[in-house]
């Protein structure tokens, strides 16, 4: 005998004693309208609220563990999340993000994995077993979190570890090459060691200045984790990397063309407008989704690029509570040394709008009153991923290219030019903002046009942020 919609609605209440009355009412309304619930949905939602009750947690404080316990299969997790979006829209879904990612990884590993293809080794540098002992002993530090200089340095992703080991292998090879030229260089990081490395890369390997700068960044990552730097050697590597980056940028024939094209259609304030739009778009999506996370990451990245002129290499590695700190008034403060120079940035509190965007990113769809708890939970975590992972090297540039046809280095050029033209006395302010070691490095970032009216446009955009356009 067919069951009427009214009977289905009545039976639901009997089978789901732990589901709150308002949620049951919404589910019953759908049943009474003749629309069946998705298979397994009511059972998954009942299990969810039952586990919350057992843990004595209100829905606002739902944890990753609760979602993981209910998600006995990928399909059950998807059904639960869909049900909560439909019938319990105030329940935060962002804590389920890691659970979703694990199930997606399982699915990809099971059905999309490709068999490994044998290939010949293309190693040019020396293998770790041929390195100086102090270097070889530090290799395990790449695969774990370390605090060599007080700050937390997270474990590197597998591909990044491979890239770092390759660069250090080339450094070891450059010592052999120098020795063959009659120049013996100690393995301790020093200006002489890095100078030999530079000469080896340019004369023997024929790499570009940009590639050489990338190798220097990988060496920095290694020796920081190895704990082998002193102040002089860190500065020497930073200066070399900076010079290589400048040379690569200045030799780029398209730089000025791209700057003029950007100025024709945009101002720097448009990056802030894009940040606002990305945060607003993220609010419209379920909090646990990768799409929402990517939008929040974009919003924070763009705001920080304009607010502080951060290098992407620094920005990608910012850690909550280490590089950016939130005070009792809700303002976020810079507390970093730039990777290229090691110089402390001299910037006070970030713009209120930037702080609001960071709060929105950290909260996702959680209630605003949880911000202090979230910041404490994420102490030491990567700012953009909110985990130990780091976004890939091209993450920010790809989005800038799609939106504005420029990359992060050109944003820094625009900012310095803007300060220089609108306030000629602000040369040192630009140095402090960009974290440069000396004022003359500003010349790299100077463009050949003025951003007329951009200061006013940025002020209007900042005001829009401060008026609370982004809800926390």
Protein backbone atom coordinates (compact mmCIF):
# COMPACT_ATOMS: atom_id res chain seq x y z
CA UNK A 1 0.00 0.00 0.00
CA UNK A 2 1.51 3.38 -1.01
CA UNK A 3 2.60 5.65 1.84
CA UNK A 4 1.15 9.14 1.68
CA UNK A 5 3.40 12.22 1.92
CA UNK A 6 1.80 13.07 5.26
CA UNK A 7 2.64 9.62 6.65
CA UNK A 8 6.24 9.97 5.40
CA UNK A 9 6.52 13.28 7.20
CA UNK A 10 5.13 11.81 10.44
CA UNK A 11 7.44 8.78 10.26
CA UNK A 12 10.46 11.03 9.79
CA UNK A 13 9.95 12.66 13.18
CA UNK A 14 9.76 9.23 14.84
CA UNK A 15 12.93 7.94 13.13
CA UNK A 16 15.02 11.06 13.86
CA UNK A 17 14.78 11.91 17.56
CA UNK A 18 18.06 13.83 17.64
CA UNK A 19 17.41 16.13 14.67
CA UNK A 20 16.33 19.61 15.90
CA UNK A 21 12.68 20.49 15.40
CA UNK A 22 13.33 23.30 12.93
CA UNK A 23 15.43 21.01 10.75
CA UNK A 24 12.78 18.27 10.89
CA UNK A 25 10.13 20.82 9.90
CA UNK A 26 12.07 21.78 6.77
CA UNK A 27 12.55 18.13 5.83
CA UNK A 28 8.86 17.40 6.42
CA UNK A 29 7.87 20.34 4.23
CA UNK A 30 9.73 18.77 1.32
CA UNK A 31 8.08 15.39 1.96
CA UNK A 32 4.61 16.94 2.14
CA UNK A 33 5.30 18.64 -1.19
CA UNK A 34 5.67 15.17 -2.67
CA UNK A 35 9.47 15.37 -3.04
CA UNK A 36 11.30 12.42 -1.54
CA UNK A 37 14.50 12.92 0.43
CA UNK A 38 17.68 11.62 -1.13
CA UNK A 39 18.38 8.01 -0.17
CA UNK A 40 20.17 7.81 3.20
CA UNK A 41 19.88 11.54 3.89
CA UNK A 42 17.66 11.40 6.96
CA UNK A 43 19.79 8.63 8.50
CA UNK A 44 23.02 10.59 7.89
CA UNK A 45 21.57 13.78 9.41
CA UNK A 46 20.23 11.84 12.40
CA UNK A 47 23.66 10.24 12.93
CA UNK A 48 25.27 13.69 12.69
CA UNK A 49 23.07 15.25 15.39
CA UNK A 50 23.30 12.13 17.56
CA UNK A 51 27.11 12.38 17.54
CA UNK A 52 26.91 16.08 18.35
CA UNK A 53 24.71 15.24 21.33
CA UNK A 54 27.10 12.54 22.53
CA UNK A 55 30.02 14.97 22.29
CA UNK A 56 27.90 17.66 24.02
CA UNK A 57 28.64 20.11 21.22
CA UNK A 58 26.30 22.71 19.72
CA UNK A 59 26.15 22.67 15.89
CA UNK A 60 28.26 25.88 15.74
CA UNK A 61 31.19 23.95 17.23
CA UNK A 62 31.00 20.91 15.00
CA UNK A 63 34.43 19.39 14.47
CA UNK A 64 36.25 17.56 11.72
CA UNK A 65 36.03 14.41 13.88
CA UNK A 66 32.22 14.50 13.90
CA UNK A 67 32.10 14.72 10.12
CA UNK A 68 34.69 11.95 9.78
CA UNK A 69 32.71 9.64 12.07
CA UNK A 70 29.50 10.09 10.07
CA UNK A 71 31.31 9.82 6.72
CA UNK A 72 31.67 6.06 6.57
CA UNK A 73 31.73 6.41 2.78
CA UNK A 74 32.29 9.21 0.31
CA UNK A 75 28.69 9.06 -0.87
CA UNK A 76 27.38 9.27 2.70
CA UNK A 77 29.49 12.35 3.34
CA UNK A 78 28.22 14.03 0.17
CA UNK A 79 24.63 13.15 1.16
CA UNK A 80 25.11 14.58 4.65
CA UNK A 81 26.61 17.84 3.37
CA UNK A 82 23.84 18.25 0.84
CA UNK A 83 21.23 17.64 3.51
CA UNK A 84 22.78 20.16 5.88
CA UNK A 85 22.93 22.79 3.13
CA UNK A 86 19.23 22.25 2.40
CA UNK A 87 17.76 21.83 5.85
CA UNK A 88 20.34 23.17 8.38
CA UNK A 89 21.99 26.07 6.53
CA UNK A 90 23.50 27.62 9.68
CA UNK A 91 25.66 24.56 10.45
CA UNK A 92 29.31 25.27 9.50
CA UNK A 93 30.45 22.96 6.72
CA UNK A 94 34.07 24.14 6.57
CA UNK A 95 35.25 21.66 9.27
CA UNK A 96 34.31 18.92 6.80
CA UNK A 97 36.81 20.17 4.20
CA UNK A 98 39.70 17.87 5.30
CA UNK A 99 37.33 14.88 5.34
CA UNK A 100 36.15 15.69 1.82
CA UNK A 101 39.74 16.06 0.65
CA UNK A 102 40.71 12.67 2.10
CA UNK A 103 37.82 10.93 0.38
CA UNK A 104 38.60 12.69 -2.91
CA UNK A 105 42.25 11.65 -2.62
CA UNK A 106 41.17 8.06 -1.97
CA UNK A 107 38.95 8.13 -5.05
CA UNK A 108 41.69 9.56 -7.25
CA UNK A 109 44.25 7.09 -5.95
CA UNK A 110 41.94 4.17 -6.60
CA UNK A 111 40.54 5.03 -10.01
CA UNK A 112 42.76 7.69 -11.57
CA UNK A 113 46.26 6.58 -10.59
CA UNK A 114 48.58 5.99 -13.52
CA UNK A 115 51.21 3.27 -13.39
CA UNK A 116 54.69 4.63 -12.76
CA UNK A 117 56.73 4.90 -15.93
CA UNK A 118 60.42 4.00 -15.71
CA UNK A 119 62.66 6.86 -16.75
CA UNK A 120 66.32 7.64 -16.88
CA UNK A 121 67.67 9.85 -14.14
CA UNK A 122 68.41 13.41 -15.23
CA UNK A 123 70.34 14.24 -12.07
CA UNK A 124 73.14 16.70 -12.73
CA UNK A 125 74.11 17.57 -9.18
CA UNK A 126 75.52 15.25 -6.55
CA UNK A 127 73.33 12.81 -4.61
CA UNK A 128 72.89 13.46 -0.86
CA UNK A 129 75.29 10.67 0.06
CA UNK A 130 78.02 12.65 -1.74
CA UNK A 131 77.30 15.92 0.07
CA UNK A 132 79.25 17.33 3.02
CA UNK A 133 78.18 15.58 6.20
CA UNK A 134 76.40 18.59 7.70
CA UNK A 135 74.28 18.97 4.57
CA UNK A 136 73.39 15.30 4.29
CA UNK A 137 72.42 15.18 7.97
CA UNK A 138 69.86 17.95 7.38
CA UNK A 139 67.92 16.18 4.60
CA UNK A 140 65.38 14.62 7.03
CA UNK A 141 64.47 18.15 8.19
CA UNK A 142 62.76 18.74 4.85
CA UNK A 143 60.17 16.12 5.72
CA UNK A 144 59.21 17.41 9.15
CA UNK A 145 58.36 20.62 10.97
CA UNK A 146 61.43 22.30 12.48
CA UNK A 147 62.19 25.44 14.49
CA UNK A 148 65.83 26.07 13.62
CA UNK A 149 65.72 29.83 14.28
CA UNK A 150 62.72 30.08 16.60
CA UNK A 151 60.11 30.35 13.87
CA UNK A 152 58.15 27.30 12.81
CA UNK A 153 59.19 25.96 9.39
CA UNK A 154 56.62 23.47 8.08
CA UNK A 155 57.31 20.18 6.33
CA UNK A 156 57.87 20.62 2.61
CA UNK A 157 55.67 18.91 0.04
CA UNK A 158 57.26 15.96 -1.76
CA UNK A 159 57.79 17.86 -5.04
CA UNK A 160 59.31 20.79 -3.20
CA UNK A 161 61.66 18.44 -1.35
CA UNK A 162 62.82 17.03 -4.68
CA UNK A 163 63.43 20.53 -6.04
CA UNK A 164 65.38 21.56 -2.93
CA UNK A 165 67.52 18.40 -3.02
CA UNK A 166 68.24 19.00 -6.71
CA UNK A 167 69.39 22.56 -6.00
CA UNK A 168 71.62 21.53 -3.11
CA UNK A 169 73.04 18.75 -5.32
CA UNK A 170 74.01 21.44 -7.84
CA UNK A 171 75.58 23.48 -5.04
CA UNK A 172 77.66 20.46 -4.05
CA UNK A 173 78.64 20.00 -7.70
CA UNK A 174 79.69 23.65 -7.91
CA UNK A 175 82.16 23.08 -5.05
CA UNK A 176 83.76 20.24 -7.04
CA UNK A 177 83.86 22.47 -10.12
CA UNK A 178 85.51 25.28 -8.15
CA UNK A 179 88.05 22.84 -6.69
CA UNK A 180 88.92 21.72 -10.22
CA UNK A 181 89.72 25.39 -10.95
CA UNK A 182 92.05 25.46 -7.95
CA UNK A 183 89.59 27.18 -5.59
CA UNK A 184 88.78 25.26 -2.42
CA UNK A 185 85.57 26.46 -0.73
CA UNK A 186 84.39 25.32 2.69
CA UNK A 187 80.89 23.75 2.84
CA UNK A 188 79.74 26.28 5.47
CA UNK A 189 77.25 28.72 3.86
CA UNK A 190 79.14 31.87 2.88
CA UNK A 191 79.35 34.60 0.25
CA UNK A 192 82.18 32.67 -1.45
CA UNK A 193 80.13 29.48 -1.63
CA UNK A 194 77.15 31.23 -3.20
CA UNK A 195 79.37 33.22 -5.59
CA UNK A 196 80.87 29.96 -6.84
CA UNK A 197 77.38 28.52 -7.21
CA UNK A 198 76.29 31.51 -9.29
CA UNK A 199 79.34 31.27 -11.56
CA UNK A 200 78.79 27.53 -12.01
CA UNK A 201 75.13 27.97 -12.96
CA UNK A 202 75.83 30.73 -15.47
CA UNK A 203 79.03 29.46 -17.07
CA UNK A 204 78.58 25.68 -16.86
CA UNK A 205 74.84 25.16 -16.85
CA UNK A 206 73.75 28.16 -18.90
CA UNK A 207 70.62 28.77 -16.83
CA UNK A 208 68.64 32.02 -16.97
CA UNK A 209 68.82 34.62 -14.21
CA UNK A 210 65.26 33.75 -13.21
CA UNK A 211 66.10 30.05 -12.88
CA UNK A 212 69.22 30.87 -10.90
CA UNK A 213 67.09 32.99 -8.54
CA UNK A 214 64.76 30.00 -8.07
CA UNK A 215 67.74 27.81 -7.17
CA UNK A 216 68.80 30.38 -4.56
CA UNK A 217 65.33 30.28 -3.00
CA UNK A 218 65.59 26.50 -2.70
CA UNK A 219 68.99 26.82 -1.05
CA UNK A 220 67.47 29.27 1.44
CA UNK A 221 64.73 26.77 2.26
CA UNK A 222 67.33 24.06 2.83
CA UNK A 223 69.86 25.94 4.94
CA UNK A 224 67.11 27.52 7.06
CA UNK A 225 65.89 24.03 7.92
CA UNK A 226 69.44 22.79 8.36
CA UNK A 227 70.17 25.57 10.85
CA UNK A 228 73.47 26.34 9.08
CA UNK A 229 72.96 30.03 8.31
CA UNK A 230 74.56 32.88 10.18
CA UNK A 231 73.55 36.50 9.62
CA UNK A 232 76.26 37.15 7.03
CA UNK A 233 75.59 34.06 4.92
CA UNK A 234 71.82 34.63 4.94
CA UNK A 235 72.38 38.21 3.76
CA UNK A 236 74.81 37.03 1.08
CA UNK A 237 72.31 34.57 -0.39
CA UNK A 238 69.50 37.13 -0.13
CA UNK A 239 71.55 39.73 -1.99
CA UNK A 240 72.46 37.27 -4.74
CA UNK A 241 68.84 36.16 -5.13
CA UNK A 242 67.71 39.79 -5.21
CA UNK A 243 70.22 40.74 -7.87
CA UNK A 244 69.28 37.74 -10.01
CA UNK A 245 65.57 38.56 -9.74
CA UNK A 246 66.19 42.16 -10.69
CA UNK A 247 68.32 41.17 -13.66
CA UNK A 248 65.68 38.69 -14.82
CA UNK A 249 62.92 41.28 -14.47
CA UNK A 250 64.78 44.13 -16.15
CA UNK A 251 65.72 41.88 -19.07
CA UNK A 252 62.06 41.00 -19.63
CA UNK A 253 61.10 42.97 -22.78
CA UNK A 254 57.39 42.67 -22.05
CA UNK A 255 57.47 44.21 -18.56
CA UNK A 256 56.80 47.80 -19.59
CA UNK A 257 54.22 46.79 -22.18
CA UNK A 258 52.26 44.88 -19.55
CA UNK A 259 52.48 47.77 -17.11
CA UNK A 260 51.11 50.22 -19.67
CA UNK A 261 48.33 47.80 -20.58
CA UNK A 262 47.40 47.41 -16.90
CA UNK A 263 47.38 51.19 -16.38
CA UNK A 264 45.16 51.67 -19.44
CA UNK A 265 42.38 49.50 -18.02
CA UNK A 266 42.97 49.25 -14.23
CA UNK A 267 44.42 50.85 -11.13
CA UNK A 268 45.77 49.17 -8.02
CA UNK A 269 42.39 49.72 -6.36
CA UNK A 270 40.96 47.19 -8.81
CA UNK A 271 42.97 44.48 -7.03
CA UNK A 272 41.17 45.43 -3.82
CA UNK A 273 37.81 45.37 -5.60
CA UNK A 274 38.71 41.91 -6.92
CA UNK A 275 39.57 40.83 -3.36
CA UNK A 276 36.17 42.02 -2.12
CA UNK A 277 34.37 40.27 -4.99
CA UNK A 278 36.23 37.01 -4.35
CA UNK A 279 35.33 37.06 -0.65
CA UNK A 280 31.69 37.76 -1.45
CA UNK A 281 31.59 34.95 -4.01
CA UNK A 282 33.09 32.60 -1.41
CA UNK A 283 30.28 33.42 1.03
CA UNK A 284 27.76 32.16 -1.52
CA UNK A 285 29.37 28.71 -1.69
CA UNK A 286 29.29 25.86 0.86
CA UNK A 287 32.06 26.52 3.37
CA UNK A 288 33.74 23.12 2.96
CA UNK A 289 34.28 23.34 -0.79
CA UNK A 290 37.63 23.82 -2.49
CA UNK A 291 36.07 26.52 -4.68
CA UNK A 292 35.21 28.61 -1.61
CA UNK A 293 38.70 28.10 -0.17
CA UNK A 294 40.36 29.19 -3.43
CA UNK A 295 38.27 32.37 -3.51
CA UNK A 296 39.14 33.22 0.09
CA UNK A 297 42.83 32.57 -0.65
CA UNK A 298 42.62 34.89 -3.64
CA UNK A 299 40.96 37.62 -1.57
CA UNK A 300 43.65 37.50 1.11
CA UNK A 301 46.48 37.32 -1.43
CA UNK A 302 45.31 40.34 -3.41
CA UNK A 303 44.68 42.41 -0.28
CA UNK A 304 48.14 41.65 1.13
CA UNK A 305 49.84 42.33 -2.20
CA UNK A 306 48.41 45.86 -2.26
CA UNK A 307 48.43 46.52 1.49
CA UNK A 308 52.04 45.52 2.14
CA UNK A 309 53.73 44.78 -1.19
CA UNK A 310 54.68 41.28 -0.07
CA UNK A 311 56.72 39.07 -2.33
CA UNK A 312 54.79 36.01 -3.39
CA UNK A 313 57.54 33.77 -2.01
CA UNK A 314 56.98 35.34 1.41
CA UNK A 315 53.20 35.49 1.14
CA UNK A 316 52.90 31.82 0.21
CA UNK A 317 54.73 30.82 3.40
CA UNK A 318 53.09 33.18 5.91
CA UNK A 319 52.19 31.39 9.14
CA UNK A 320 49.32 32.38 11.42
CA UNK A 321 50.62 33.78 14.71
CA UNK A 322 54.19 33.83 13.38
CA UNK A 323 54.35 36.05 10.31
CA UNK A 324 50.93 37.64 10.82
CA UNK A 325 49.62 38.26 14.33
CA UNK A 326 46.09 39.25 15.43
CA UNK A 327 45.80 41.59 18.42
CA UNK A 328 43.02 41.87 20.99
CA UNK A 329 41.33 44.64 18.99
CA UNK A 330 41.00 42.39 15.93
CA UNK A 331 43.77 44.02 13.88
CA UNK A 332 46.33 41.88 12.07
CA UNK A 333 49.99 42.93 12.16
CA UNK A 334 52.96 42.06 9.97
CA UNK A 335 55.82 40.32 11.76
CA UNK A 336 57.99 38.92 9.01
CA UNK A 337 61.46 39.09 7.60
CA UNK A 338 61.36 39.01 3.82
CA UNK A 339 62.89 35.87 2.34
CA UNK A 340 65.05 37.78 -0.11
CA UNK A 341 66.71 40.19 2.30
CA UNK A 342 65.99 38.92 5.80
CA UNK A 343 65.04 42.51 6.71
CA UNK A 344 62.20 43.06 9.14
CA UNK A 345 59.25 44.83 7.51
CA UNK A 346 58.36 48.11 9.18
CA UNK A 347 54.58 48.06 8.84
CA UNK A 348 52.13 48.53 11.68
CA UNK A 349 48.60 47.15 11.65
CA UNK A 350 47.21 46.07 8.31
CA UNK A 351 44.28 47.99 6.86
CA UNK A 352 41.03 47.16 8.68
CA UNK A 353 39.64 45.82 5.42
CA UNK A 354 42.59 43.45 4.99
CA UNK A 355 42.17 42.27 8.58
CA UNK A 356 38.48 41.66 7.89
CA UNK A 357 39.32 39.56 4.82
CA UNK A 358 41.80 37.47 6.81
CA UNK A 359 39.18 36.92 9.52
CA UNK A 360 36.62 35.85 6.89
CA UNK A 361 39.14 33.40 5.41
CA UNK A 362 39.99 31.86 8.78
CA UNK A 363 36.34 31.58 9.85
CA UNK A 364 34.95 30.36 6.50
CA UNK A 365 31.29 29.73 7.37
CA UNK A 366 31.82 29.59 11.14
CA UNK A 367 30.21 32.25 13.38
CA UNK A 368 32.22 35.43 14.01
CA UNK A 369 32.52 34.82 17.76
CA UNK A 370 34.79 31.85 17.04
CA UNK A 371 37.62 33.95 15.56
CA UNK A 372 39.85 33.95 18.67
CA UNK A 373 39.47 30.19 19.04
CA UNK A 374 40.23 29.63 15.34
CA UNK A 375 43.36 31.79 15.47
CA UNK A 376 44.58 29.81 18.49
CA UNK A 377 43.82 26.49 16.74
CA UNK A 378 45.74 27.59 13.65
CA UNK A 379 48.87 28.84 15.45
CA UNK A 380 51.77 28.11 13.12
CA UNK A 381 49.57 26.94 10.22
CA UNK A 382 50.02 28.34 6.72
CA UNK A 383 47.86 31.44 6.29
CA UNK A 384 46.52 30.56 2.84
CA UNK A 385 45.94 26.81 3.21
CA UNK A 386 45.24 26.83 6.99
CA UNK A 387 47.25 23.58 7.18
CA UNK A 388 50.94 22.67 7.02
CA UNK A 389 50.74 22.65 3.20
CA UNK A 390 51.79 25.57 0.98
CA UNK A 391 50.03 26.70 -2.21
CA UNK A 392 51.99 26.01 -5.38
CA UNK A 393 54.44 28.59 -6.69
CA UNK A 394 52.18 29.77 -9.49
CA UNK A 395 48.99 30.10 -7.43
CA UNK A 396 48.94 33.89 -7.10
CA UNK A 397 50.47 34.68 -10.48
CA UNK A 398 47.95 32.53 -12.33
CA UNK A 399 45.08 34.46 -10.78
CA UNK A 400 46.71 37.82 -11.44
CA UNK A 401 47.31 36.78 -15.02
CA UNK A 402 43.68 35.74 -15.49
CA UNK A 403 42.30 38.90 -13.88
CA UNK A 404 44.80 41.59 -14.89
CA UNK A 405 47.40 40.08 -17.28
CA UNK A 406 50.24 40.90 -14.84
CA UNK A 407 52.18 39.07 -12.11
CA UNK A 408 53.02 39.85 -8.50
CA UNK A 409 56.38 41.47 -9.16
CA UNK A 410 54.68 44.08 -11.34
CA UNK A 411 52.23 44.87 -8.52
CA UNK A 412 55.26 45.81 -6.40
CA UNK A 413 56.57 47.95 -9.27
CA UNK A 414 53.23 49.75 -9.50
CA UNK A 415 53.13 50.38 -5.76
CA UNK A 416 56.64 51.83 -5.61
CA UNK A 417 56.00 54.00 -8.65
CA UNK A 418 52.74 55.20 -7.12
CA UNK A 419 54.43 56.22 -3.87
CA UNK A 420 57.35 57.80 -5.71
CA UNK A 421 55.21 59.91 -8.08
CA UNK A 422 52.44 60.90 -5.68
CA UNK A 423 54.79 61.45 -2.72
CA UNK A 424 58.40 61.99 -3.85
CA UNK A 425 59.52 62.06 -0.20
CA UNK A 426 58.24 58.51 0.37
CA UNK A 427 61.28 56.64 -0.97
CA UNK A 428 62.16 55.28 2.45
CA UNK A 429 58.51 54.39 3.09
CA UNK A 430 58.62 52.22 0.00
CA UNK A 431 61.80 50.57 1.24
CA UNK A 432 60.19 49.75 4.59
CA UNK A 433 57.02 48.50 2.94
CA UNK A 434 58.79 46.23 0.47
CA UNK A 435 61.43 45.03 2.93
CA UNK A 436 64.45 46.04 0.85
CA UNK A 437 67.94 46.10 2.28
CA UNK A 438 68.89 49.46 0.77
CA UNK A 439 67.05 52.32 -0.87
CA UNK A 440 68.72 51.88 -4.26
CA UNK A 441 67.00 48.54 -4.84
CA UNK A 442 63.83 50.56 -5.40
CA UNK A 443 65.02 51.29 -8.94
CA UNK A 444 64.08 47.77 -9.99
CA UNK A 445 60.46 48.47 -9.20
CA UNK A 446 60.15 51.83 -10.96
CA UNK A 447 57.85 51.97 -14.01
CA UNK A 448 57.77 54.66 -16.67
CA UNK A 449 54.30 56.13 -16.03
CA UNK A 450 52.31 57.68 -13.18
CA UNK A 451 49.18 56.25 -11.54
CA UNK A 452 47.15 59.45 -11.72
CA UNK A 453 44.19 59.36 -9.37
CA UNK A 454 45.07 55.89 -8.07
CA UNK A 455 45.64 57.10 -4.51
CA UNK A 456 42.08 58.42 -4.37
CA UNK A 457 40.69 55.25 -5.92
CA UNK A 458 42.54 53.09 -3.39
CA UNK A 459 41.28 55.27 -0.55
CA UNK A 460 37.70 54.80 -1.74
CA UNK A 461 38.21 51.05 -1.97
CA UNK A 462 39.76 50.89 1.49
CA UNK A 463 36.83 52.89 2.84
CA UNK A 464 34.48 50.37 1.26
CA UNK A 465 36.31 47.58 3.06
CA UNK A 466 36.18 49.43 6.37
CA UNK A 467 32.44 50.06 6.02
CA UNK A 468 31.91 46.32 6.40
CA UNK A 469 31.24 45.22 2.84
CA UNK A 470 32.71 41.86 3.81
CA UNK A 471 30.79 40.24 6.63
CA UNK A 472 32.79 38.30 9.18
